[in-house]
PDB file of N, CA and C in Angstrom:
ATOM      1  N   MET A   1      29.899 -37.195 -15.725  1.00  0.00           N
ATOM      2  CA  MET A   1      31.006 -37.340 -14.806  1.00  0.00           C
ATOM      3  C   MET A   1      30.614 -36.673 -13.494  1.00  0.00           C
ATOM      4  N   ARG A   2      30.897 -37.314 -12.430  1.00  0.00           N
ATOM      5  CA  ARG A   2      30.557 -36.754 -11.128  1.00  0.00           C
ATOM      6  C   ARG A   2      31.529 -35.664 -10.742  1.00  0.00           C
ATOM      7  N   LEU A   3      31.105 -34.821  -9.826  1.00  0.00           N
ATOM      8  CA  LEU A   3      31.900 -33.675  -9.408  1.00  0.00           C
ATOM      9  C   LEU A   3      33.288 -34.047  -8.879  1.00  0.00           C
ATOM     10  N   PRO A   4      33.429 -35.024  -7.981  1.00  0.00           N
ATOM     11  CA  PRO A   4      34.782 -35.363  -7.511  1.00  0.00           C
ATOM     12  C   PRO A   4      35.703 -35.833  -8.644  1.00  0.00           C
ATOM     13  N   GLY A   5      35.152 -36.587  -9.565  1.00  0.00           N
ATOM     14  CA  GLY A   5      35.945 -37.052 -10.703  1.00  0.00           C
ATOM     15  C   GLY A   5      36.369 -35.900 -11.588  1.00  0.00           C
ATOM     16  N   ALA A   6      35.452 -34.950 -11.824  1.00  0.00           N
ATOM     17  CA  ALA A   6      35.767 -33.786 -12.645  1.00  0.00           C
ATOM     18  C   ALA A   6      36.810 -32.908 -11.955  1.00  0.00           C
ATOM     19  N   LEU A   7      36.678 -32.728 -10.656  1.00  0.00           N
ATOM     20  CA  LEU A   7      37.657 -31.933  -9.913  1.00  0.00           C
ATOM     21  C   LEU A   7      39.026 -32.609  -9.928  1.00  0.00           C
ATOM     22  N   GLY A   8      39.032 -33.921  -9.768  1.00  0.00           N
ATOM     23  CA  GLY A   8      40.293 -34.665  -9.808  1.00  0.00           C
ATOM     24  C   GLY A   8      40.961 -34.546 -11.167  1.00  0.00           C
ATOM     25  N   LEU A   9      40.174 -34.675 -12.227  1.00  0.00           N
ATOM     26  CA  LEU A   9      40.716 -34.537 -13.575  1.00  0.00           C
ATOM     27  C   LEU A   9      41.241 -33.120 -13.800  1.00  0.00           C
ATOM     28  N   GLY A  10      40.511 -32.140 -13.337  1.00  0.00           N
ATOM     29  CA  GLY A  10      40.963 -30.752 -13.454  1.00  0.00           C
ATOM     30  C   GLY A  10      42.258 -30.503 -12.705  1.00  0.00           C
ATOM     31  N   ALA A  11      42.384 -31.086 -11.520  1.00  0.00           N
ATOM     32  CA  ALA A  11      43.611 -30.934 -10.732  1.00  0.00           C
ATOM     33  C   ALA A  11      44.790 -31.589 -11.432  1.00  0.00           C
ATOM     34  N   VAL A  12      44.572 -32.747 -12.022  1.00  0.00           N
ATOM     35  CA  VAL A  12      45.644 -33.435 -12.749  1.00  0.00           C
ATOM     36  C   VAL A  12      46.080 -32.612 -13.955  1.00  0.00           C
ATOM     37  N   VAL A  13      45.126 -32.098 -14.710  1.00  0.00           N
ATOM     38  CA  VAL A  13      45.440 -31.290 -15.891  1.00  0.00           C
ATOM     39  C   VAL A  13      46.190 -30.021 -15.480  1.00  0.00           C
ATOM     40  N   ALA A  14      45.739 -29.369 -14.417  1.00  0.00           N
ATOM     41  CA  ALA A  14      46.417 -28.157 -13.936  1.00  0.00           C
ATOM     42  C   ALA A  14      47.828 -28.488 -13.461  1.00  0.00           C
ATOM     43  N   GLY A  15      47.991 -29.583 -12.751  1.00  0.00           N
ATOM     44  CA  GLY A  15      49.314 -29.986 -12.277  1.00  0.00           C
ATOM     45  C   GLY A  15      50.271 -30.276 -13.420  1.00  0.00           C
ATOM     46  N   VAL A  16      49.780 -30.955 -14.433  1.00  0.00           N
ATOM     47  CA  VAL A  16      50.618 -31.248 -15.604  1.00  0.00           C
ATOM     48  C   VAL A  16      50.995 -29.942 -16.310  1.00  0.00           C
ATOM     49  N   GLY A  17      50.060 -29.024 -16.412  1.00  0.00           N
ATOM     50  CA  GLY A  17      50.348 -27.741 -17.042  1.00  0.00           C
ATOM     51  C   GLY A  17      51.401 -26.947 -16.291  1.00  0.00           C
ATOM     52  N   VAL A  18      51.289 -26.909 -14.984  1.00  0.00           N
ATOM     53  CA  VAL A  18      52.271 -26.190 -14.159  1.00  0.00           C
ATOM     54  C   VAL A  18      53.639 -26.855 -14.284  1.00  0.00           C
ATOM     55  N   ALA A  19      53.670 -28.185 -14.222  1.00  0.00           N
ATOM     56  CA  ALA A  19      54.945 -28.899 -14.342  1.00  0.00           C
ATOM     57  C   ALA A  19      55.577 -28.647 -15.708  1.00  0.00           C
ATOM     58  N   TYR A  20      54.778 -28.645 -16.752  1.00  0.00           N
ATOM     59  CA  TYR A  20      55.296 -28.393 -18.097  1.00  0.00           C
ATOM     60  C   TYR A  20      55.876 -26.988 -18.201  1.00  0.00           C
ATOM     61  N   CYS A  21      55.152 -25.999 -17.708  1.00  0.00           N
ATOM     62  CA  CYS A  21      55.642 -24.617 -17.767  1.00  0.00           C
ATOM     63  C   CYS A  21      56.927 -24.442 -16.969  1.00  0.00           C
ATOM     64  N   ALA A  22      56.996 -25.044 -15.797  1.00  0.00           N
ATOM     65  CA  ALA A  22      58.195 -24.940 -14.964  1.00  0.00           C
ATOM     66  C   ALA A  22      59.373 -25.627 -15.640  1.00  0.00           C
ATOM     67  N   ARG A  23      59.144 -26.778 -16.212  1.00  0.00           N
ATOM     68  CA  ARG A  23      60.237 -27.493 -16.900  1.00  0.00           C
ATOM     69  C   ARG A  23      60.717 -26.705 -18.102  1.00  0.00           C
ATOM     70  N   ARG A  24      59.804 -26.184 -18.867  1.00  0.00           N
ATOM     71  CA  ARG A  24      60.178 -25.391 -20.048  1.00  0.00           C
ATOM     72  C   ARG A  24      60.996 -24.172 -19.644  1.00  0.00           C
ATOM     73  N   GLN A  25      60.557 -23.479 -18.598  1.00  0.00           N
ATOM     74  CA  GLN A  25      61.288 -22.315 -18.094  1.00  0.00           C
ATOM     75  C   GLN A  25      62.667 -22.731 -17.584  1.00  0.00           C
ATOM     76  N   SER A  26      62.734 -23.838 -16.907  1.00  0.00           N
ATOM     77  CA  SER A  26      64.002 -24.332 -16.376  1.00  0.00           C
ATOM     78  C   SER A  26      64.980 -24.647 -17.503  1.00  0.00           C
ATOM     79  N   LEU A  27      64.516 -25.292 -18.533  1.00  0.00           N
ATOM     80  CA  LEU A  27      65.378 -25.621 -19.669  1.00  0.00           C
ATOM     81  C   LEU A  27      65.799 -24.362 -20.424  1.00  0.00           C
ATOM     82  N   ARG A  28      64.908 -23.405 -20.543  1.00  0.00           N
ATOM     83  CA  ARG A  28      65.206 -22.193 -21.295  1.00  0.00           C
ATOM     84  C   ARG A  28      66.232 -21.318 -20.580  1.00  0.00           C
ATOM     85  N   THR A  29      66.101 -21.186 -19.275  1.00  0.00           N
ATOM     86  CA  THR A  29      66.977 -20.282 -18.530  1.00  0.00           C
ATOM     87  C   THR A  29      68.175 -20.987 -17.906  1.00  0.00           C
ATOM     88  N   GLY A  30      68.120 -22.295 -17.774  1.00  0.00           N
ATOM     89  CA  GLY A  30      69.213 -23.036 -17.176  1.00  0.00           C
ATOM     90  C   GLY A  30      69.178 -23.049 -15.656  1.00  0.00           C
ATOM     91  N   GLU A  31      68.164 -22.485 -15.052  1.00  0.00           N
ATOM     92  CA  GLU A  31      68.065 -22.510 -13.593  1.00  0.00           C
ATOM     93  C   GLU A  31      67.361 -23.782 -13.151  1.00  0.00           C
ATOM     94  N   GLY A  32      67.356 -24.022 -11.883  1.00  0.00           N
ATOM     95  CA  GLY A  32      66.757 -25.230 -11.349  1.00  0.00           C
ATOM     96  C   GLY A  32      65.243 -25.256 -11.504  1.00  0.00           C
ATOM     97  N   TYR A  33      64.710 -26.464 -11.421  1.00  0.00           N
ATOM     98  CA  TYR A  33      63.274 -26.667 -11.570  1.00  0.00           C
ATOM     99  C   TYR A  33      62.499 -25.924 -10.481  1.00  0.00           C
ATOM    100  N   LEU A  34      62.961 -25.996  -9.240  1.00  0.00           N
ATOM    101  CA  LEU A  34      62.257 -25.324  -8.141  1.00  0.00           C
ATOM    102  C   LEU A  34      62.301 -23.812  -8.284  1.00  0.00           C
ATOM    103  N   ALA A  35      63.435 -23.280  -8.744  1.00  0.00           N
ATOM    104  CA  ALA A  35      63.525 -21.836  -8.961  1.00  0.00           C
ATOM    105  C   ALA A  35      62.556 -21.402 -10.053  1.00  0.00           C
ATOM    106  N   ALA A  36      62.465 -22.194 -11.108  1.00  0.00           N
ATOM    107  CA  ALA A  36      61.523 -21.888 -12.184  1.00  0.00           C
ATOM    108  C   ALA A  36      60.090 -21.996 -11.677  1.00  0.00           C
ATOM    109  N   LEU A  37      59.845 -22.972 -10.830  1.00  0.00           N
ATOM    110  CA  LEU A  37      58.509 -23.155 -10.267  1.00  0.00           C
ATOM    111  C   LEU A  37      58.113 -21.980  -9.382  1.00  0.00           C
ATOM    112  N   ARG A  38      59.069 -21.436  -8.651  1.00  0.00           N
ATOM    113  CA  ARG A  38      58.790 -20.286  -7.781  1.00  0.00           C
ATOM    114  C   ARG A  38      58.487 -19.019  -8.586  1.00  0.00           C
ATOM    115  N   GLN A  39      59.029 -18.926  -9.779  1.00  0.00           N
ATOM    116  CA  GLN A  39      58.822 -17.729 -10.604  1.00  0.00           C
ATOM    117  C   GLN A  39      57.517 -17.756 -11.398  1.00  0.00           C
ATOM    118  N   LEU A  40      56.859 -18.888 -11.456  1.00  0.00           N
ATOM    119  CA  LEU A  40      55.629 -18.999 -12.246  1.00  0.00           C
ATOM    120  C   LEU A  40      54.537 -18.008 -11.838  1.00  0.00           C
ATOM    121  N   PRO A  41      54.277 -17.794 -10.548  1.00  0.00           N
ATOM    122  CA  PRO A  41      53.234 -16.817 -10.211  1.00  0.00           C
ATOM    123  C   PRO A  41      53.553 -15.408 -10.711  1.00  0.00           C
ATOM    124  N   THR A  42      54.814 -15.003 -10.637  1.00  0.00           N
ATOM    125  CA  THR A  42      55.211 -13.685 -11.128  1.00  0.00           C
ATOM    126  C   THR A  42      55.023 -13.604 -12.638  1.00  0.00           C
ATOM    127  N   GLN A  43      55.427 -14.655 -13.329  1.00  0.00           N
ATOM    128  CA  GLN A  43      55.274 -14.674 -14.776  1.00  0.00           C
ATOM    129  C   GLN A  43      53.805 -14.688 -15.180  1.00  0.00           C
ATOM    130  N   ALA A  44      53.001 -15.433 -14.450  1.00  0.00           N
ATOM    131  CA  ALA A  44      51.573 -15.476 -14.751  1.00  0.00           C
ATOM    132  C   ALA A  44      50.941 -14.113 -14.530  1.00  0.00           C
ATOM    133  N   SER A  45      51.354 -13.436 -13.475  1.00  0.00           N
ATOM    134  CA  SER A  45      50.824 -12.107 -13.199  1.00  0.00           C
ATOM    135  C   SER A  45      51.204 -11.124 -14.299  1.00  0.00           C
ATOM    136  N   SER A  46      52.450 -11.169 -14.742  1.00  0.00           N
ATOM    137  CA  SER A  46      52.866 -10.258 -15.806  1.00  0.00           C
ATOM    138  C   SER A  46      52.168 -10.611 -17.116  1.00  0.00           C
ATOM    139  N   LEU A  47      51.909 -11.897 -17.338  1.00  0.00           N
ATOM    140  CA  LEU A  47      51.177 -12.306 -18.530  1.00  0.00           C
ATOM    141  C   LEU A  47      49.747 -11.774 -18.491  1.00  0.00           C
ATOM    142  N   VAL A  48      49.104 -11.858 -17.349  1.00  0.00           N
ATOM    143  CA  VAL A  48      47.739 -11.343 -17.200  1.00  0.00           C
ATOM    144  C   VAL A  48      47.720  -9.835 -17.440  1.00  0.00           C
ATOM    145  N   ASP A  49      48.694  -9.122 -16.882  1.00  0.00           N
ATOM    146  CA  ASP A  49      48.773  -7.678 -17.094  1.00  0.00           C
ATOM    147  C   ASP A  49      48.962  -7.344 -18.570  1.00  0.00           C
ATOM    148  N   ASP A  50      49.809  -8.119 -19.256  1.00  0.00           N
ATOM    149  CA  ASP A  50      50.043  -7.891 -20.678  1.00  0.00           C
ATOM    150  C   ASP A  50      48.777  -8.160 -21.489  1.00  0.00           C
ATOM    151  N   VAL A  51      48.073  -9.219 -21.156  1.00  0.00           N
ATOM    152  CA  VAL A  51      46.827  -9.544 -21.868  1.00  0.00           C
ATOM    153  C   VAL A  51      45.794  -8.440 -21.647  1.00  0.00           C
ATOM    154  N   ARG A  52      45.683  -7.946 -20.431  1.00  0.00           N
ATOM    155  CA  ARG A  52      44.740  -6.852 -20.159  1.00  0.00           C
ATOM    156  C   ARG A  52      45.099  -5.604 -20.943  1.00  0.00           C
ATOM    157  N   ARG A  53      46.403  -5.274 -20.983  1.00  0.00           N
ATOM    158  CA  ARG A  53      46.849  -4.089 -21.716  1.00  0.00           C
ATOM    159  C   ARG A  53      46.535  -4.236 -23.203  1.00  0.00           C
ATOM    160  N   ARG A  54      46.826  -5.405 -23.749  1.00  0.00           N
ATOM    161  CA  ARG A  54      46.552  -5.640 -25.170  1.00  0.00           C
ATOM    162  C   ARG A  54      45.055  -5.622 -25.464  1.00  0.00           C
ATOM    163  N   ALA A  55      44.254  -6.142 -24.561  1.00  0.00           N
ATOM    164  CA  ALA A  55      42.806  -6.136 -24.758  1.00  0.00           C
ATOM    165  C   ALA A  55      42.261  -4.713 -24.747  1.00  0.00           C
ATOM    166  N   ARG A  56      42.734  -3.895 -23.799  1.00  0.00           N
ATOM    167  CA  ARG A  56      42.298  -2.497 -23.761  1.00  0.00           C
ATOM    168  C   ARG A  56      42.696  -1.771 -25.039  1.00  0.00           C
ATOM    169  N   LEU A  57      43.903  -2.030 -25.528  1.00  0.00           N
ATOM    170  CA  LEU A  57      44.378  -1.403 -26.756  1.00  0.00           C
ATOM    171  C   LEU A  57      43.535  -1.848 -27.947  1.00  0.00           C
ATOM    172  N   ALA A  58      43.230  -3.129 -28.024  1.00  0.00           N
ATOM    173  CA  ALA A  58      42.422  -3.651 -29.126  1.00  0.00           C
ATOM    174  C   ALA A  58      41.019  -3.065 -29.108  1.00  0.00           C
ATOM    175  N   VAL A  59      40.425  -2.962 -27.932  1.00  0.00           N
ATOM    176  CA  VAL A  59      39.087  -2.376 -27.829  1.00  0.00           C
ATOM    177  C   VAL A  59      39.126  -0.908 -28.226  1.00  0.00           C
ATOM    178  N   SER A  60      40.129  -0.194 -27.767  1.00  0.00           N
ATOM    179  CA  SER A  60      40.266   1.219 -28.094  1.00  0.00           C
ATOM    180  C   SER A  60      40.424   1.423 -29.601  1.00  0.00           C
ATOM    181  N   GLU A  61      41.285   0.616 -30.222  1.00  0.00           N
ATOM    182  CA  GLU A  61      41.484   0.727 -31.664  1.00  0.00           C
ATOM    183  C   GLU A  61      40.223   0.329 -32.428  1.00  0.00           C
ATOM    184  N   GLY A  62      39.523  -0.683 -31.948  1.00  0.00           N
ATOM    185  CA  GLY A  62      38.274  -1.094 -32.592  1.00  0.00           C
ATOM    186  C   GLY A  62      37.215  -0.013 -32.518  1.00  0.00           C
ATOM    187  N   LEU A  63      37.088   0.627 -31.351  1.00  0.00           N
ATOM    188  CA  LEU A  63      36.124   1.713 -31.210  1.00  0.00           C
ATOM    189  C   LEU A  63      36.482   2.891 -32.110  1.00  0.00           C
ATOM    190  N   GLN A  64      37.770   3.196 -32.204  1.00  0.00           N
ATOM    191  CA  GLN A  64      38.209   4.289 -33.066  1.00  0.00           C
ATOM    192  C   GLN A  64      37.899   3.961 -34.533  1.00  0.00           C
ATOM    193  N   ALA A  65      38.146   2.743 -34.958  1.00  0.00           N
ATOM    194  CA  ALA A  65      37.847   2.333 -36.325  1.00  0.00           C
ATOM    195  C   ALA A  65      36.345   2.388 -36.590  1.00  0.00           C
ATOM    196  N   ALA A  66      35.547   1.983 -35.613  1.00  0.00           N
ATOM    197  CA  ALA A  66      34.088   2.031 -35.772  1.00  0.00           C
ATOM    198  C   ALA A  66      33.604   3.472 -35.897  1.00  0.00           C
ATOM    199  N   ARG A  67      34.167   4.383 -35.096  1.00  0.00           N
ATOM    200  CA  ARG A  67      33.778   5.791 -35.199  1.00  0.00           C
ATOM    201  C   ARG A  67      34.140   6.369 -36.565  1.00  0.00           C
ATOM    202  N   MET A  68      35.324   6.015 -37.054  1.00  0.00           N
ATOM    203  CA  MET A  68      35.742   6.498 -38.367  1.00  0.00           C
ATOM    204  C   MET A  68      34.809   5.983 -39.450  1.00  0.00           C
ATOM    205  N   ARG A  69      34.434   4.713 -39.349  1.00  0.00           N
ATOM    206  CA  ARG A  69      33.525   4.125 -40.340  1.00  0.00           C
ATOM    207  C   ARG A  69      32.148   4.781 -40.257  1.00  0.00           C
ATOM    208  N   GLU A  70      31.665   5.044 -39.054  1.00  0.00           N
ATOM    209  CA  GLU A  70      30.377   5.736 -38.907  1.00  0.00           C
ATOM    210  C   GLU A  70      30.430   7.121 -39.526  1.00  0.00           C
ATOM    211  N   ASP A  71      31.531   7.818 -39.340  1.00  0.00           N
ATOM    212  CA  ASP A  71      31.683   9.137 -39.950  1.00  0.00           C
ATOM    213  C   ASP A  71      31.660   9.050 -41.470  1.00  0.00           C
ATOM    214  N   GLN A  72      32.331   8.042 -42.024  1.00  0.00           N
ATOM    215  CA  GLN A  72      32.322   7.854 -43.474  1.00  0.00           C
ATOM    216  C   GLN A  72      30.912   7.599 -43.989  1.00  0.00           C
ATOM    217  N   VAL A  73      30.195   6.737 -43.314  1.00  0.00           N
ATOM    218  CA  VAL A  73      28.823   6.417 -43.723  1.00  0.00           C
ATOM    219  C   VAL A  73      27.935   7.654 -43.609  1.00  0.00           C
ATOM    220  N   ALA A  74      28.086   8.407 -42.529  1.00  0.00           N
ATOM    221  CA  ALA A  74      27.275   9.617 -42.352  1.00  0.00           C
ATOM    222  C   ALA A  74      27.570  10.627 -43.455  1.00  0.00           C
ATOM    223  N   ARG A  75      28.850  10.791 -43.823  1.00  0.00           N
ATOM    224  CA  ARG A  75      29.196  11.718 -44.903  1.00  0.00           C
ATOM    225  C   ARG A  75      28.600  11.265 -46.225  1.00  0.00           C
ATOM    226  N   ARG A  76      28.656   9.957 -46.499  1.00  0.00           N
ATOM    227  CA  ARG A  76      28.073   9.444 -47.751  1.00  0.00           C
ATOM    228  C   ARG A  76      26.560   9.634 -47.770  1.00  0.00           C
ATOM    229  N   LEU A  77      25.914   9.387 -46.644  1.00  0.00           N
ATOM    230  CA  LEU A  77      24.463   9.590 -46.587  1.00  0.00           C
ATOM    231  C   LEU A  77      24.103  11.054 -46.789  1.00  0.00           C
ATOM    232  N   THR A  78      24.863  11.937 -46.171  1.00  0.00           N
ATOM    233  CA  THR A  78      24.615  13.374 -46.314  1.00  0.00           C
ATOM    234  C   THR A  78      24.824  13.797 -47.753  1.00  0.00           C
ATOM    235  N   ALA A  79      25.875  13.290 -48.378  1.00  0.00           N
ATOM    236  CA  ALA A  79      26.151  13.631 -49.776  1.00  0.00           C
ATOM    237  C   ALA A  79      25.063  13.078 -50.680  1.00  0.00           C
ATOM    238  N   ALA A  80      24.576  11.879 -50.398  1.00  0.00           N
ATOM    239  CA  ALA A  80      23.530  11.281 -51.228  1.00  0.00           C
ATOM    240  C   ALA A  80      22.213  12.030 -51.061  1.00  0.00           C
ATOM    241  N   GLU A  81      21.916  12.488 -49.851  1.00  0.00           N
ATOM    242  CA  GLU A  81      20.666  13.215 -49.623  1.00  0.00           C
ATOM    243  C   GLU A  81      20.684  14.604 -50.258  1.00  0.00           C
ATOM    244  N   SER A  82      21.858  15.210 -50.321  1.00  0.00           N
ATOM    245  CA  SER A  82      21.928  16.575 -50.857  1.00  0.00           C
ATOM    246  C   SER A  82      22.154  16.611 -52.356  1.00  0.00           C
ATOM    247  N   SER A  83      22.420  15.481 -52.985  1.00  0.00           N
ATOM    248  CA  SER A  83      22.628  15.491 -54.438  1.00  0.00           C
ATOM    249  C   SER A  83      21.291  15.656 -55.149  1.00  0.00           C
ATOM    250  N   PRO A  84      21.290  16.365 -56.291  1.00  0.00           N
ATOM    251  CA  PRO A  84      20.035  16.613 -57.006  1.00  0.00           C
ATOM    252  C   PRO A  84      19.470  15.365 -57.664  1.00  0.00           C
ATOM    253  N   ASN A  85      20.243  14.332 -57.848  1.00  0.00           N
ATOM    254  CA  ASN A  85      19.780  13.124 -58.502  1.00  0.00           C
ATOM    255  C   ASN A  85      19.077  12.150 -57.554  1.00  0.00           C
ATOM    256  N   SER A  86      19.055  12.469 -56.272  1.00  0.00           N
ATOM    257  CA  SER A  86      18.432  11.549 -55.316  1.00  0.00           C
ATOM    258  C   SER A  86      16.923  11.533 -55.505  1.00  0.00           C
ATOM    259  N   THR A  87      16.334  10.374 -55.290  1.00  0.00           N
ATOM    260  CA  THR A  87      14.885  10.248 -55.478  1.00  0.00           C
ATOM    261  C   THR A  87      14.180  10.090 -54.176  1.00  0.00           C
TER     262      THR A  87
END
């Protein structure tokens, strides 16, 4: 597919997505379509902030779990090395 065709297809898909989100918001809140359309950038920004916050939390929890697991493995290795039955 050539670049202009791909860009055109991307623009159509993005436009349909924006229209769908605005319509859904309009139906959910009962406000007008244009008012819902104007609020989309604010909602998208808050969604991005929420995703970033959740990602940081997930990474933090994952790192903490990995450290705990490393500590468990280190304790088991130390116990295995110090036991008299080790070969």
